[in-house]
Amino acid sequence: MTHTTTIAGRYRIEGRLGVGGMSTVHLAFDNRLERYVALKLLAEHLADDPTFISRFRREALAAARLVHPNIVQVFDFGFDSGHHQHFIVMEHVPGNSCAELLRDHGHLELAQALSVVTQACRGLDYAHRNGVVHRDVKPGNLLVSDSEVVKLADFGIARAVDQSSITQVGSVLGTAAYLAPEQARGDEAGPRADLYSLGVVTYQLISGRLPYEASSLSELALKQQRESPIPLDELVPEVPHPLAQAVAMALSIDQRGRPATAVELAEALRNGARGISPPGAGDENFAT
């Protein structure tokens, strides 16, 4: 796509923001509403998968109904027949993803990491109460705006891909480190699967490493079943032991050992981090 390309007769592409195995994200200008948006163009081969198309439409509709300060708003979606591509139009969030922050800094300061995670909990709590499970919580889908507001992106896309005939081995392996064990087994993912994934993200943001390092899906599954991650307070001495325990609880292999809700996870993290006072993560009401 060039900078002169217009999708659906409305969204003028002005630059590329990122690229992945399933899609490319562009900065675009909405000529109708005169605002900048993030335009995600799904890979062309996806247009030929009828199962994906059906699931994609259903999940995009569900995602578009989620309106919350900690969730990237979906404005529009559709199919551009001229370019033979499905697209999603989303809120543009100037800033960085947590994946970019990890790439540039290795890890986050403890207070910043806690702020990111507790804000993500608010978004997940709202989504879960509205019957939507993310299924792909990972650093690349956690956006931190220039004003330090955290927003979850890509609700529902993982489910659309899971239910299609598409396989992207490299992409799956890259994401697998954040998948709950029940997801890796192919079981249905519930809210606690998202909390496991957020536990992995929390561990990585604080320590700069994943709880389990593996070179294949089978090795990862084996390590999850046979090994326990090194406690966070052993890797990072300034982490209070109760906080390390809260993260370990989120990483429980048995989902019954995890917090029941995102609110419970946030409260466990807050209680474990007393005295650290993460910025922007006070005692706001989660039911917003």
Protein backbone atom coordinates (compact mmCIF):
# COMPACT_ATOMS: atom_id res chain seq x y z
CA MET A 1 0.00 0.00 0.00
CA THR A 2 1.20 3.49 -0.84
CA HIS A 3 0.61 6.76 0.99
CA THR A 4 -1.94 7.66 -1.70
CA THR A 5 -4.06 4.53 -1.19
CA THR A 6 -7.57 5.06 0.14
CA ILE A 7 -9.45 2.12 1.66
CA ALA A 8 -13.24 1.87 1.43
CA GLY A 9 -13.28 5.28 -0.25
CA ARG A 10 -12.67 6.87 3.12
CA TYR A 11 -9.44 5.97 4.91
CA ARG A 12 -6.34 7.54 3.33
CA ILE A 13 -3.14 5.72 4.27
CA GLU A 14 -0.39 8.05 5.48
CA GLY A 15 2.24 5.71 6.91
CA ARG A 16 2.91 2.25 8.29
CA LEU A 17 2.80 1.71 12.05
CA GLY A 18 3.61 -1.99 12.23
CA VAL A 19 3.54 -5.33 10.44
CA GLY A 20 2.89 -8.90 11.55
CA GLY A 21 2.14 -12.31 10.08
CA MET A 22 -1.59 -11.70 9.94
CA SER A 23 -1.87 -7.98 9.28
CA THR A 24 -0.27 -4.62 8.65
CA VAL A 25 -1.27 -1.55 10.65
CA HIS A 26 -1.21 1.88 9.03
CA LEU A 27 -1.78 5.40 10.20
CA ALA A 28 -4.70 6.66 8.13
CA PHE A 29 -6.81 9.78 7.87
CA ASP A 30 -10.58 9.36 7.98
CA ASN A 31 -11.75 11.76 5.27
CA ARG A 32 -15.34 11.66 6.50
CA LEU A 33 -14.80 12.42 10.19
CA GLU A 34 -11.52 14.26 9.63
CA ARG A 35 -9.45 12.41 12.22
CA TYR A 36 -6.48 10.07 12.32
CA VAL A 37 -7.14 6.38 12.91
CA ALA A 38 -5.21 3.12 13.00
CA LEU A 39 -6.12 1.04 9.95
CA LYS A 40 -5.39 -2.67 10.19
CA LEU A 41 -5.27 -4.45 6.84
CA LEU A 42 -5.51 -8.21 7.21
CA ALA A 43 -3.21 -10.31 5.04
CA GLU A 44 -4.69 -10.98 1.61
CA HIS A 45 -4.73 -14.77 2.02
CA LEU A 46 -7.22 -14.39 4.88
CA ALA A 47 -9.86 -13.15 2.45
CA ASP A 48 -10.01 -16.65 0.94
CA ASP A 49 -10.77 -18.43 4.22
CA PRO A 50 -14.57 -18.52 4.70
CA THR A 51 -14.35 -19.75 8.29
CA PHE A 52 -12.08 -16.88 9.19
CA ILE A 53 -14.31 -14.31 7.48
CA SER A 54 -17.40 -15.48 9.36
CA ARG A 55 -15.64 -15.53 12.72
CA PHE A 56 -13.87 -12.25 12.02
CA ARG A 57 -17.14 -10.42 11.43
CA ARG A 58 -18.68 -11.84 14.60
CA GLU A 59 -15.67 -11.00 16.76
CA ALA A 60 -15.25 -7.52 15.24
CA LEU A 61 -18.86 -6.73 16.13
CA ALA A 62 -18.30 -7.87 19.72
CA ALA A 63 -15.10 -5.82 19.99
CA ALA A 64 -16.80 -2.72 18.59
CA ARG A 65 -19.29 -2.81 21.46
CA LEU A 66 -16.51 -2.47 24.04
CA VAL A 67 -16.19 1.19 24.98
CA HIS A 68 -13.75 1.72 27.86
CA PRO A 69 -10.77 4.01 28.55
CA ASN A 70 -8.42 1.02 28.72
CA ILE A 71 -9.56 -0.63 25.48
CA VAL A 72 -8.68 0.48 21.96
CA GLN A 73 -11.99 1.47 20.38
CA VAL A 74 -13.01 -0.27 17.15
CA PHE A 75 -14.71 2.23 14.85
CA ASP A 76 -15.36 0.28 11.65
CA PHE A 77 -14.57 -2.91 9.77
CA GLY A 78 -15.33 -4.31 6.35
CA PHE A 79 -14.01 -5.57 3.03
CA ASP A 80 -12.48 -3.42 0.30
CA SER A 81 -13.23 -5.27 -2.93
CA GLY A 82 -10.90 -3.08 -4.98
CA HIS A 83 -7.89 -4.10 -2.90
CA HIS A 84 -9.32 -7.51 -1.94
CA GLN A 85 -8.65 -6.94 1.75
CA HIS A 86 -10.50 -7.06 5.02
CA PHE A 87 -9.84 -4.13 7.30
CA ILE A 88 -10.46 -2.88 10.82
CA VAL A 89 -10.46 0.79 11.76
CA MET A 90 -9.41 1.55 15.33
CA GLU A 91 -8.59 4.39 17.63
CA HIS A 92 -5.06 5.66 16.99
CA VAL A 93 -2.99 5.60 20.19
CA PRO A 94 0.17 7.74 19.92
CA GLY A 95 2.78 6.09 22.10
CA ASN A 96 4.42 2.67 22.32
CA SER A 97 3.39 -0.92 22.82
CA CYS A 98 4.81 -2.80 25.78
CA ALA A 99 6.68 -4.93 23.25
CA GLU A 100 8.45 -1.80 22.02
CA LEU A 101 9.18 -0.69 25.58
CA LEU A 102 10.69 -4.10 26.37
CA ARG A 103 12.74 -3.99 23.18
CA ASP A 104 14.11 -0.53 23.99
CA HIS A 105 14.56 -0.84 27.77
CA GLY A 106 14.71 -4.56 28.58
CA HIS A 107 12.22 -4.17 31.43
CA LEU A 108 10.13 -1.49 33.12
CA GLU A 109 10.58 0.17 36.46
CA LEU A 110 8.49 -1.64 39.04
CA ALA A 111 6.04 1.23 39.56
CA GLN A 112 5.48 1.66 35.82
CA ALA A 113 4.98 -2.08 35.30
CA LEU A 114 2.35 -2.15 38.04
CA SER A 115 0.59 0.84 36.53
CA VAL A 116 0.46 -0.88 33.14
CA VAL A 117 -0.89 -4.13 34.55
CA THR A 118 -3.52 -2.63 36.85
CA GLN A 119 -4.83 -0.47 34.01
CA ALA A 120 -4.96 -3.57 31.80
CA CYS A 121 -6.96 -5.27 34.56
CA ARG A 122 -9.58 -2.53 34.29
CA GLY A 123 -9.97 -3.12 30.58
CA LEU A 124 -10.13 -6.89 31.00
CA ASP A 125 -12.64 -6.63 33.83
CA TYR A 126 -14.95 -4.53 31.65
CA ALA A 127 -14.60 -6.91 28.70
CA HIS A 128 -15.17 -10.01 30.82
CA ARG A 129 -18.27 -8.51 32.43
CA ASN A 130 -19.55 -7.95 28.91
CA GLY A 131 -18.90 -11.54 27.87
CA VAL A 132 -15.74 -10.93 25.81
CA VAL A 133 -12.47 -12.81 26.39
CA HIS A 134 -9.37 -11.34 24.74
CA ARG A 135 -7.45 -14.62 24.19
CA ASP A 136 -4.24 -12.92 23.07
CA VAL A 137 -2.97 -10.72 25.90
CA LYS A 138 0.70 -10.03 25.18
CA PRO A 139 3.06 -7.02 25.19
CA GLY A 140 2.31 -6.18 21.56
CA ASN A 141 -1.38 -5.80 22.38
CA LEU A 142 -0.82 -3.51 25.37
CA LEU A 143 -0.44 0.06 24.16
CA VAL A 144 0.88 2.82 26.42
CA SER A 145 -0.16 6.27 25.23
CA ASP A 146 2.01 9.37 25.48
CA SER A 147 -0.13 10.34 28.50
CA GLU A 148 0.59 6.89 30.08
CA VAL A 149 -2.91 5.51 29.58
CA VAL A 150 -2.82 1.78 28.86
CA LYS A 151 -5.13 0.36 26.21
CA LEU A 152 -5.73 -3.26 25.21
CA ALA A 153 -5.85 -3.89 21.47
CA ASP A 154 -7.01 -6.70 19.18
CA PHE A 155 -9.95 -8.18 21.06
CA GLY A 156 -11.34 -11.21 19.26
CA ILE A 157 -8.77 -11.51 16.49
CA ALA A 158 -7.11 -14.51 18.16
CA ARG A 159 -10.42 -16.36 18.29
CA ALA A 160 -11.06 -15.68 14.61
CA VAL A 161 -7.67 -17.12 13.71
CA ASP A 162 -8.02 -20.10 16.06
CA GLN A 163 -11.29 -21.11 14.43
CA SER A 164 -10.00 -20.83 10.86
CA SER A 165 -7.90 -23.19 8.77
CA ILE A 166 -4.95 -20.77 8.88
CA THR A 167 -1.69 -21.78 10.53
CA GLN A 168 1.26 -19.48 11.10
CA VAL A 169 3.81 -21.55 13.00
CA GLY A 170 6.23 -18.72 13.76
CA SER A 171 3.44 -16.46 14.89
CA VAL A 172 1.95 -19.17 17.09
CA LEU A 173 5.29 -19.90 18.74
CA GLY A 174 5.83 -16.22 19.41
CA THR A 175 2.45 -15.96 21.09
CA ALA A 176 2.55 -19.33 22.84
CA ALA A 177 4.67 -18.05 25.72
CA TYR A 178 1.66 -16.00 26.82
CA LEU A 179 -0.99 -18.68 26.32
CA ALA A 180 -2.61 -20.31 29.31
CA PRO A 181 -2.01 -24.07 29.46
CA GLU A 182 -5.68 -24.76 28.74
CA GLN A 183 -5.42 -22.67 25.57
CA ALA A 184 -2.29 -24.54 24.49
CA ARG A 185 -4.25 -27.79 24.92
CA GLY A 186 -6.96 -26.46 22.62
CA ASP A 187 -9.57 -26.01 25.36
CA GLU A 188 -11.97 -23.08 25.38
CA ALA A 189 -10.41 -19.96 26.87
CA GLY A 190 -12.26 -18.19 29.67
CA PRO A 191 -11.47 -15.02 31.62
CA ARG A 192 -8.85 -16.80 33.73
CA ALA A 193 -6.87 -17.57 30.57
CA ASP A 194 -6.52 -13.82 30.04
CA LEU A 195 -5.34 -13.46 33.64
CA TYR A 196 -2.65 -16.10 33.10
CA SER A 197 -1.47 -14.23 30.00
CA LEU A 198 -1.41 -10.97 31.93
CA GLY A 199 0.58 -12.75 34.64
CA VAL A 200 3.19 -13.67 32.03
CA VAL A 201 3.28 -10.06 30.82
CA THR A 202 3.66 -8.83 34.42
CA TYR A 203 6.55 -11.22 35.04
CA GLN A 204 8.26 -10.08 31.85
CA LEU A 205 7.70 -6.35 32.37
CA ILE A 206 9.26 -6.53 35.83
CA SER A 207 12.10 -9.00 35.22
CA GLY A 208 12.83 -8.61 31.52
CA ARG A 209 12.43 -12.34 30.92
CA LEU A 210 9.64 -14.84 30.35
CA PRO A 211 8.61 -17.32 33.06
CA TYR A 212 9.37 -20.17 30.66
CA GLU A 213 11.95 -20.01 27.86
CA ALA A 214 11.32 -22.58 25.11
CA SER A 215 12.21 -23.13 21.47
CA SER A 216 9.10 -25.13 20.57
CA LEU A 217 5.48 -25.51 21.60
CA SER A 218 6.12 -29.01 22.94
CA GLU A 219 9.06 -27.82 25.04
CA LEU A 220 6.96 -24.98 26.42
CA ALA A 221 4.10 -27.31 27.36
CA LEU A 222 6.54 -29.68 29.05
CA LYS A 223 8.14 -26.89 31.08
CA GLN A 224 4.74 -25.55 32.13
CA GLN A 225 3.79 -28.94 33.51
CA ARG A 226 7.12 -29.86 35.14
CA GLU A 227 8.73 -26.61 36.24
CA SER A 228 7.86 -23.56 38.27
CA PRO A 229 9.11 -20.13 37.19
CA ILE A 230 11.90 -18.58 39.25
CA PRO A 231 10.11 -16.41 41.85
CA LEU A 232 10.11 -12.76 40.85
CA ASP A 233 11.63 -11.63 44.12
CA GLU A 234 14.65 -13.85 43.44
CA LEU A 235 15.16 -12.27 40.02
CA VAL A 236 14.41 -8.70 41.12
CA PRO A 237 15.33 -8.10 44.79
CA GLU A 238 13.19 -4.95 45.13
CA VAL A 239 10.03 -6.96 44.41
CA PRO A 240 8.18 -7.55 47.71
CA HIS A 241 7.55 -11.22 48.43
CA PRO A 242 3.73 -10.75 48.55
CA LEU A 243 3.87 -9.21 45.06
CA ALA A 244 5.90 -12.14 43.76
CA GLN A 245 3.28 -14.46 45.25
CA ALA A 246 0.47 -12.55 43.53
CA VAL A 247 2.18 -12.94 40.15
CA ALA A 248 2.83 -16.63 40.84
CA MET A 249 -0.87 -17.07 41.60
CA ALA A 250 -1.77 -15.61 38.19
CA LEU A 251 0.66 -18.11 36.63
CA SER A 252 -0.99 -21.12 38.24
CA ILE A 253 -1.13 -24.04 35.80
CA ASP A 254 -4.50 -25.04 37.23
CA GLN A 255 -6.83 -22.17 36.39
CA ARG A 256 -8.70 -22.72 39.65
CA GLY A 257 -5.59 -21.46 41.45
CA ARG A 258 -5.70 -18.12 39.65
CA PRO A 259 -7.71 -15.07 40.69
CA ALA A 260 -11.34 -15.44 39.65
CA THR A 261 -11.55 -11.96 38.12
CA ALA A 262 -9.33 -9.17 36.85
CA VAL A 263 -10.43 -7.13 39.86
CA GLU A 264 -9.09 -9.82 42.20
CA LEU A 265 -5.79 -9.91 40.32
CA ALA A 266 -5.41 -6.13 40.51
CA GLU A 267 -6.21 -6.14 44.22
CA ALA A 268 -3.68 -8.93 44.85
CA LEU A 269 -1.01 -6.96 42.99
CA ARG A 270 -1.87 -3.77 44.84
CA ASN A 271 -1.80 -5.49 48.22
CA GLY A 272 1.50 -7.14 47.35
CA ALA A 273 3.03 -3.85 46.28
CA ARG A 274 2.03 -1.70 49.24
CA GLY A 275 4.42 1.21 49.58
CA ILE A 276 5.33 1.26 45.89
CA SER A 277 2.33 3.41 44.85
CA PRO A 278 2.18 2.78 41.09
CA PRO A 279 1.24 5.99 39.25
CA GLY A 280 -2.29 6.08 37.90
CA ALA A 281 -3.21 2.83 39.62
CA GLY A 282 -4.93 4.03 42.74
CA ASP A 283 -8.21 2.82 44.13
CA GLU A 284 -10.46 3.83 41.24
CA ASN A 285 -13.67 1.91 40.77
CA PHE A 286 -13.11 -0.86 38.22
CA ALA A 287 -16.75 -0.86 37.17
CA THR A 288 -16.31 1.93 34.63
